[in-house]
PDB file of N, CA and C in Angstrom:
ATOM      1  N   MET A   1     139.628 181.340 133.425  1.00  0.00           N
ATOM      2  CA  MET A   1     139.158 181.454 134.778  1.00  0.00           C
ATOM      3  C   MET A   1     140.178 180.828 135.734  1.00  0.00           C
ATOM      4  N   LYS A   2     140.384 181.562 136.844  1.00  0.00           N
ATOM      5  CA  LYS A   2     141.338 181.134 137.780  1.00  0.00           C
ATOM      6  C   LYS A   2     140.963 180.001 138.676  1.00  0.00           C
ATOM      7  N   ASP A   3     141.918 179.038 138.951  1.00  0.00           N
ATOM      8  CA  ASP A   3     141.550 177.941 139.756  1.00  0.00           C
ATOM      9  C   ASP A   3     141.647 178.346 141.152  1.00  0.00           C
ATOM     10  N   THR A   4     140.593 178.259 141.973  1.00  0.00           N
ATOM     11  CA  THR A   4     140.627 178.743 143.379  1.00  0.00           C
ATOM     12  C   THR A   4     141.205 177.699 144.259  1.00  0.00           C
ATOM     13  N   ASN A   5     141.402 176.416 143.980  1.00  0.00           N
ATOM     14  CA  ASN A   5     142.056 175.373 144.724  1.00  0.00           C
ATOM     15  C   ASN A   5     143.411 175.493 144.777  1.00  0.00           C
ATOM     16  N   SER A   6     144.119 176.210 143.920  1.00  0.00           N
ATOM     17  CA  SER A   6     145.566 176.239 143.942  1.00  0.00           C
ATOM     18  C   SER A   6     146.130 177.034 144.965  1.00  0.00           C
ATOM     19  N   HIS A   7     145.324 177.856 145.672  1.00  0.00           N
ATOM     20  CA  HIS A   7     145.841 178.718 146.728  1.00  0.00           C
ATOM     21  C   HIS A   7     145.226 178.356 148.130  1.00  0.00           C
ATOM     22  N   ARG A   8     145.081 177.102 148.454  1.00  0.00           N
ATOM     23  CA  ARG A   8     144.503 176.650 149.687  1.00  0.00           C
ATOM     24  C   ARG A   8     145.515 176.598 150.773  1.00  0.00           C
ATOM     25  N   ILE A   9     144.999 176.928 151.976  1.00  0.00           N
ATOM     26  CA  ILE A   9     145.949 176.909 153.149  1.00  0.00           C
ATOM     27  C   ILE A   9     145.947 175.565 153.837  1.00  0.00           C
ATOM     28  N   THR A  10     144.723 174.937 153.834  1.00  0.00           N
ATOM     29  CA  THR A  10     144.660 173.548 154.469  1.00  0.00           C
ATOM     30  C   THR A  10     144.152 172.579 153.476  1.00  0.00           C
ATOM     31  N   SER A  11     144.267 171.322 153.906  1.00  0.00           N
ATOM     32  CA  SER A  11     143.694 170.219 153.054  1.00  0.00           C
ATOM     33  C   SER A  11     142.286 169.927 153.374  1.00  0.00           C
ATOM     34  N   ASP A  12     141.676 169.262 152.547  1.00  0.00           N
ATOM     35  CA  ASP A  12     140.277 168.811 152.808  1.00  0.00           C
ATOM     36  C   ASP A  12     140.147 167.916 153.979  1.00  0.00           C
ATOM     37  N   THR A  13     141.146 167.027 154.099  1.00  0.00           N
ATOM     38  CA  THR A  13     141.127 166.051 155.210  1.00  0.00           C
ATOM     39  C   THR A  13     141.256 166.808 156.560  1.00  0.00           C
ATOM     40  N   PHE A  14     142.104 167.774 156.610  1.00  0.00           N
ATOM     41  CA  PHE A  14     142.282 168.597 157.862  1.00  0.00           C
ATOM     42  C   PHE A  14     141.064 169.348 158.184  1.00  0.00           C
ATOM     43  N   ASP A  15     140.454 169.907 157.094  1.00  0.00           N
ATOM     44  CA  ASP A  15     139.245 170.650 157.356  1.00  0.00           C
ATOM     45  C   ASP A  15     138.050 169.839 157.923  1.00  0.00           C
ATOM     46  N   THR A  16     138.000 168.578 157.368  1.00  0.00           N
ATOM     47  CA  THR A  16     136.996 167.672 157.800  1.00  0.00           C
ATOM     48  C   THR A  16     137.180 167.244 159.230  1.00  0.00           C
ATOM     49  N   LYS A  17     138.421 166.846 159.598  1.00  0.00           N
ATOM     50  CA  LYS A  17     138.748 166.451 160.919  1.00  0.00           C
ATOM     51  C   LYS A  17     138.568 167.547 161.962  1.00  0.00           C
ATOM     52  N   LEU A  18     138.912 168.789 161.568  1.00  0.00           N
ATOM     53  CA  LEU A  18     138.760 169.926 162.455  1.00  0.00           C
ATOM     54  C   LEU A  18     137.268 170.201 162.676  1.00  0.00           C
ATOM     55  N   GLY A  19     136.544 170.121 161.599  1.00  0.00           N
ATOM     56  CA  GLY A  19     134.977 170.353 161.712  1.00  0.00           C
ATOM     57  C   GLY A  19     134.357 169.294 162.536  1.00  0.00           C
ATOM     58  N   GLN A  20     134.755 168.053 162.434  1.00  0.00           N
ATOM     59  CA  GLN A  20     134.293 167.005 163.277  1.00  0.00           C
ATOM     60  C   GLN A  20     134.592 167.237 164.726  1.00  0.00           C
ATOM     61  N   ALA A  21     135.797 167.605 164.985  1.00  0.00           N
ATOM     62  CA  ALA A  21     136.255 167.884 166.426  1.00  0.00           C
ATOM     63  C   ALA A  21     135.437 168.967 167.007  1.00  0.00           C
ATOM     64  N   VAL A  22     135.261 169.966 166.187  1.00  0.00           N
ATOM     65  CA  VAL A  22     134.467 171.141 166.739  1.00  0.00           C
ATOM     66  C   VAL A  22     133.055 170.817 167.019  1.00  0.00           C
ATOM     67  N   CYS A  23     132.506 170.000 166.088  1.00  0.00           N
ATOM     68  CA  CYS A  23     131.070 169.569 166.293  1.00  0.00           C
ATOM     69  C   CYS A  23     130.927 168.626 167.584  1.00  0.00           C
ATOM     70  N   PHE A  24     131.903 167.755 167.684  1.00  0.00           N
ATOM     71  CA  PHE A  24     131.742 166.816 168.850  1.00  0.00           C
ATOM     72  C   PHE A  24     132.022 167.489 170.157  1.00  0.00           C
ATOM     73  N   ILE A  25     132.955 168.426 170.159  1.00  0.00           N
ATOM     74  CA  ILE A  25     133.267 169.101 171.394  1.00  0.00           C
ATOM     75  C   ILE A  25     132.098 170.030 171.702  1.00  0.00           C
ATOM     76  N   THR A  26     131.543 170.679 170.749  1.00  0.00           N
ATOM     77  CA  THR A  26     130.410 171.568 170.982  1.00  0.00           C
ATOM     78  C   THR A  26     129.292 170.754 171.514  1.00  0.00           C
ATOM     79  N   SER A  27     128.973 169.668 171.075  1.00  0.00           N
ATOM     80  CA  SER A  27     127.896 168.877 171.477  1.00  0.00           C
ATOM     81  C   SER A  27     127.983 168.486 172.967  1.00  0.00           C
ATOM     82  N   VAL A  28     129.261 168.115 173.391  1.00  0.00           N
ATOM     83  CA  VAL A  28     129.399 167.724 174.710  1.00  0.00           C
ATOM     84  C   VAL A  28     129.293 168.984 175.603  1.00  0.00           C
ATOM     85  N   LEU A  29     129.854 170.068 175.257  1.00  0.00           N
ATOM     86  CA  LEU A  29     129.731 171.267 175.993  1.00  0.00           C
ATOM     87  C   LEU A  29     128.272 171.778 176.107  1.00  0.00           C
ATOM     88  N   VAL A  30     127.532 171.731 175.080  1.00  0.00           N
ATOM     89  CA  VAL A  30     126.188 172.250 175.120  1.00  0.00           C
ATOM     90  C   VAL A  30     125.301 171.304 176.022  1.00  0.00           C
ATOM     91  N   PHE A  31     125.573 169.975 175.866  1.00  0.00           N
ATOM     92  CA  PHE A  31     124.807 169.129 176.776  1.00  0.00           C
ATOM     93  C   PHE A  31     125.164 169.232 178.274  1.00  0.00           C
ATOM     94  N   VAL A  32     126.399 169.381 178.583  1.00  0.00           N
ATOM     95  CA  VAL A  32     126.801 169.549 179.965  1.00  0.00           C
ATOM     96  C   VAL A  32     126.276 170.848 180.550  1.00  0.00           C
ATOM     97  N   LEU A  33     126.446 171.868 179.759  1.00  0.00           N
ATOM     98  CA  LEU A  33     125.994 173.235 180.293  1.00  0.00           C
ATOM     99  C   LEU A  33     124.477 173.315 180.368  1.00  0.00           C
ATOM    100  N   SER A  34     123.722 172.643 179.475  1.00  0.00           N
ATOM    101  CA  SER A  34     122.340 172.697 179.562  1.00  0.00           C
ATOM    102  C   SER A  34     121.772 171.898 180.742  1.00  0.00           C
ATOM    103  N   MET A  35     122.481 170.670 181.055  1.00  0.00           N
ATOM    104  CA  MET A  35     122.075 169.936 182.241  1.00  0.00           C
ATOM    105  C   MET A  35     122.457 170.767 183.554  1.00  0.00           C
ATOM    106  N   TRP A  36     123.588 171.379 183.520  1.00  0.00           N
ATOM    107  CA  TRP A  36     124.005 172.085 184.611  1.00  0.00           C
ATOM    108  C   TRP A  36     122.955 173.278 184.857  1.00  0.00           C
ATOM    109  N   LYS A  37     122.547 173.955 183.855  1.00  0.00           N
ATOM    110  CA  LYS A  37     121.520 175.004 184.007  1.00  0.00           C
ATOM    111  C   LYS A  37     120.154 174.486 184.463  1.00  0.00           C
ATOM    112  N   LEU A  38     119.792 173.266 183.954  1.00  0.00           N
ATOM    113  CA  LEU A  38     118.500 172.737 184.413  1.00  0.00           C
ATOM    114  C   LEU A  38     118.516 172.376 185.839  1.00  0.00           C
ATOM    115  N   THR A  39     119.655 171.956 186.376  1.00  0.00           N
ATOM    116  CA  THR A  39     119.629 171.628 187.824  1.00  0.00           C
ATOM    117  C   THR A  39     119.571 172.828 188.721  1.00  0.00           C
ATOM    118  N   ARG A  40     119.873 174.041 188.157  1.00  0.00           N
ATOM    119  CA  ARG A  40     119.798 175.290 188.931  1.00  0.00           C
ATOM    120  C   ARG A  40     118.482 175.895 188.952  1.00  0.00           C
ATOM    121  N   LEU A  41     117.568 175.411 188.060  1.00  0.00           N
ATOM    122  CA  LEU A  41     116.150 175.990 188.013  1.00  0.00           C
ATOM    123  C   LEU A  41     115.153 175.229 188.892  1.00  0.00           C
ATOM    124  N   GLU A  42     114.212 175.902 189.373  1.00  0.00           N
ATOM    125  CA  GLU A  42     113.175 175.278 190.137  1.00  0.00           C
ATOM    126  C   GLU A  42     112.060 174.834 189.118  1.00  0.00           C
ATOM    127  N   LEU A  43     112.036 173.609 188.668  1.00  0.00           N
ATOM    128  CA  LEU A  43     111.093 173.074 187.649  1.00  0.00           C
ATOM    129  C   LEU A  43     110.317 171.936 188.229  1.00  0.00           C
ATOM    130  N   ASP A  44     109.068 171.873 187.686  1.00  0.00           N
ATOM    131  CA  ASP A  44     108.244 170.721 188.119  1.00  0.00           C
ATOM    132  C   ASP A  44     108.614 169.562 187.121  1.00  0.00           C
ATOM    133  N   GLU A  45     107.941 168.481 187.279  1.00  0.00           N
ATOM    134  CA  GLU A  45     108.339 167.268 186.520  1.00  0.00           C
ATOM    135  C   GLU A  45     108.213 167.386 185.018  1.00  0.00           C
ATOM    136  N   SER A  46     107.119 167.941 184.487  1.00  0.00           N
ATOM    137  CA  SER A  46     106.962 168.093 183.066  1.00  0.00           C
ATOM    138  C   SER A  46     107.933 169.077 182.526  1.00  0.00           C
ATOM    139  N   GLN A  47     108.207 170.131 183.196  1.00  0.00           N
ATOM    140  CA  GLN A  47     109.120 171.129 182.673  1.00  0.00           C
ATOM    141  C   GLN A  47     110.583 170.512 182.621  1.00  0.00           C
ATOM    142  N   LEU A  48     110.909 169.721 183.662  1.00  0.00           N
ATOM    143  CA  LEU A  48     112.222 169.045 183.659  1.00  0.00           C
ATOM    144  C   LEU A  48     112.313 167.969 182.570  1.00  0.00           C
ATOM    145  N   PHE A  49     111.266 167.249 182.347  1.00  0.00           N
ATOM    146  CA  PHE A  49     111.235 166.300 181.325  1.00  0.00           C
ATOM    147  C   PHE A  49     111.476 166.945 179.973  1.00  0.00           C
ATOM    148  N   PHE A  50     110.703 167.968 179.588  1.00  0.00           N
ATOM    149  CA  PHE A  50     110.859 168.585 178.289  1.00  0.00           C
ATOM    150  C   PHE A  50     112.155 169.381 178.266  1.00  0.00           C
ATOM    151  N   GLY A  51     112.608 169.821 179.313  1.00  0.00           N
ATOM    152  CA  GLY A  51     113.909 170.532 179.372  1.00  0.00           C
ATOM    153  C   GLY A  51     115.128 169.507 178.982  1.00  0.00           C
ATOM    154  N   VAL A  52     115.073 168.358 179.627  1.00  0.00           N
ATOM    155  CA  VAL A  52     116.136 167.340 179.303  1.00  0.00           C
ATOM    156  C   VAL A  52     115.987 166.833 177.854  1.00  0.00           C
ATOM    157  N   LEU A  53     114.735 166.636 177.477  1.00  0.00           N
ATOM    158  CA  LEU A  53     114.441 166.115 176.063  1.00  0.00           C
ATOM    159  C   LEU A  53     115.018 167.147 175.087  1.00  0.00           C
ATOM    160  N   LEU A  54     114.556 168.442 175.203  1.00  0.00           N
ATOM    161  CA  LEU A  54     114.856 169.437 174.184  1.00  0.00           C
ATOM    162  C   LEU A  54     116.343 169.805 174.231  1.00  0.00           C
ATOM    163  N   SER A  55     116.905 169.787 175.460  1.00  0.00           N
ATOM    164  CA  SER A  55     118.329 170.188 175.479  1.00  0.00           C
ATOM    165  C   SER A  55     119.255 169.034 175.046  1.00  0.00           C
ATOM    166  N   GLY A  56     118.709 167.894 174.835  1.00  0.00           N
ATOM    167  CA  GLY A  56     119.432 166.777 174.218  1.00  0.00           C
ATOM    168  C   GLY A  56     119.398 166.814 172.652  1.00  0.00           C
ATOM    169  N   CYS A  57     118.423 167.619 172.127  1.00  0.00           N
ATOM    170  CA  CYS A  57     118.303 167.651 170.651  1.00  0.00           C
ATOM    171  C   CYS A  57     119.424 168.419 170.027  1.00  0.00           C
ATOM    172  N   VAL A  58     119.873 169.522 170.550  1.00  0.00           N
ATOM    173  CA  VAL A  58     120.896 170.306 169.959  1.00  0.00           C
ATOM    174  C   VAL A  58     122.232 169.601 169.974  1.00  0.00           C
ATOM    175  N   PRO A  59     122.702 168.932 171.031  1.00  0.00           N
ATOM    176  CA  PRO A  59     123.897 168.186 170.879  1.00  0.00           C
ATOM    177  C   PRO A  59     123.803 167.008 169.918  1.00  0.00           C
ATOM    178  N   LEU A  60     122.601 166.419 169.923  1.00  0.00           N
ATOM    179  CA  LEU A  60     122.422 165.315 168.861  1.00  0.00           C
ATOM    180  C   LEU A  60     122.515 165.876 167.436  1.00  0.00           C
ATOM    181  N   LEU A  61     122.023 166.990 167.176  1.00  0.00           N
ATOM    182  CA  LEU A  61     122.205 167.569 165.784  1.00  0.00           C
ATOM    183  C   LEU A  61     123.662 167.924 165.582  1.00  0.00           C
ATOM    184  N   CYS A  62     124.445 168.431 166.513  1.00  0.00           N
ATOM    185  CA  CYS A  62     125.883 168.679 166.406  1.00  0.00           C
ATOM    186  C   CYS A  62     126.636 167.332 166.029  1.00  0.00           C
ATOM    187  N   VAL A  63     126.263 166.234 166.718  1.00  0.00           N
ATOM    188  CA  VAL A  63     126.845 164.922 166.358  1.00  0.00           C
ATOM    189  C   VAL A  63     126.518 164.529 164.961  1.00  0.00           C
ATOM    190  N   VAL A  64     125.297 164.679 164.485  1.00  0.00           N
ATOM    191  CA  VAL A  64     124.854 164.300 163.162  1.00  0.00           C
ATOM    192  C   VAL A  64     125.695 165.117 162.172  1.00  0.00           C
ATOM    193  N   VAL A  65     125.735 166.412 162.354  1.00  0.00           N
ATOM    194  CA  VAL A  65     126.573 167.214 161.442  1.00  0.00           C
ATOM    195  C   VAL A  65     128.017 166.757 161.393  1.00  0.00           C
ATOM    196  N   GLY A  66     128.554 166.466 162.560  1.00  0.00           N
ATOM    197  CA  GLY A  66     129.964 165.960 162.591  1.00  0.00           C
ATOM    198  C   GLY A  66     130.109 164.657 161.875  1.00  0.00           C
ATOM    199  N   LEU A  67     129.104 163.776 161.963  1.00  0.00           N
ATOM    200  CA  LEU A  67     129.118 162.547 161.293  1.00  0.00           C
ATOM    201  C   LEU A  67     128.972 162.682 159.708  1.00  0.00           C
ATOM    202  N   LEU A  68     128.216 163.686 159.282  1.00  0.00           N
ATOM    203  CA  LEU A  68     127.972 163.861 157.866  1.00  0.00           C
ATOM    204  C   LEU A  68     128.984 164.760 157.148  1.00  0.00           C
ATOM    205  N   LEU A  69     129.965 165.326 157.942  1.00  0.00           N
ATOM    206  CA  LEU A  69     130.945 166.149 157.306  1.00  0.00           C
ATOM    207  C   LEU A  69     131.799 165.335 156.348  1.00  0.00           C
ATOM    208  N   PRO A  70     132.279 164.177 156.672  1.00  0.00           N
ATOM    209  CA  PRO A  70     133.030 163.345 155.602  1.00  0.00           C
ATOM    210  C   PRO A  70     132.289 163.069 154.273  1.00  0.00           C
ATOM    211  N   VAL A  71     130.979 162.830 154.519  1.00  0.00           N
ATOM    212  CA  VAL A  71     130.113 162.507 153.359  1.00  0.00           C
ATOM    213  C   VAL A  71     129.992 163.710 152.453  1.00  0.00           C
ATOM    214  N   ALA A  72     129.813 164.867 153.023  1.00  0.00           N
ATOM    215  CA  ALA A  72     129.737 166.111 152.325  1.00  0.00           C
ATOM    216  C   ALA A  72     131.033 166.447 151.557  1.00  0.00           C
ATOM    217  N   MET A  73     132.060 166.156 152.224  1.00  0.00           N
ATOM    218  CA  MET A  73     133.395 166.461 151.577  1.00  0.00           C
ATOM    219  C   MET A  73     133.681 165.547 150.452  1.00  0.00           C
ATOM    220  N   ALA A  74     133.276 164.273 150.534  1.00  0.00           N
ATOM    221  CA  ALA A  74     133.424 163.312 149.538  1.00  0.00           C
ATOM    222  C   ALA A  74     132.571 163.644 148.347  1.00  0.00           C
ATOM    223  N   GLU A  75     131.346 164.132 148.581  1.00  0.00           N
ATOM    224  CA  GLU A  75     130.490 164.606 147.530  1.00  0.00           C
ATOM    225  C   GLU A  75     131.059 165.767 146.842  1.00  0.00           C
ATOM    226  N   ARG A  76     131.667 166.658 147.587  1.00  0.00           N
ATOM    227  CA  ARG A  76     132.267 167.843 146.942  1.00  0.00           C
ATOM    228  C   ARG A  76     133.429 167.489 146.073  1.00  0.00           C
ATOM    229  N   LYS A  77     134.165 166.481 146.512  1.00  0.00           N
ATOM    230  CA  LYS A  77     135.334 166.103 145.722  1.00  0.00           C
ATOM    231  C   LYS A  77     134.884 165.432 144.450  1.00  0.00           C
ATOM    232  N   SER A  78     133.814 164.626 144.574  1.00  0.00           N
ATOM    233  CA  SER A  78     133.417 163.860 143.318  1.00  0.00           C
ATOM    234  C   SER A  78     132.758 164.863 142.280  1.00  0.00           C
ATOM    235  N   LYS A  79     132.316 166.015 142.670  1.00  0.00           N
ATOM    236  CA  LYS A  79     131.696 166.967 141.764  1.00  0.00           C
ATOM    237  C   LYS A  79     132.800 167.852 141.086  1.00  0.00           C
ATOM    238  N   ALA A  80     133.948 167.949 141.786  1.00  0.00           N
ATOM    239  CA  ALA A  80     134.939 168.806 141.272  1.00  0.00           C
ATOM    240  C   ALA A  80     135.805 168.119 140.182  1.00  0.00           C
TER     241      ALA A  80
END
């Protein structure tokens, strides 16, 4: 059976750092754009509350994924 790791273009460390950077930048962009959009809408208090609350969930999930990437890569290395 052929070893698939012998023909890699990038290292695991680079992939992890790039994935973290993408997740963190995406979380900031999603949060800023969702807040900008919420200010453009005519919302009452409850709609604004839930809009801010729910639009903060997606960036938070992106941050969690970015923080868990090194753990997932370490787990992958330990199984190999």
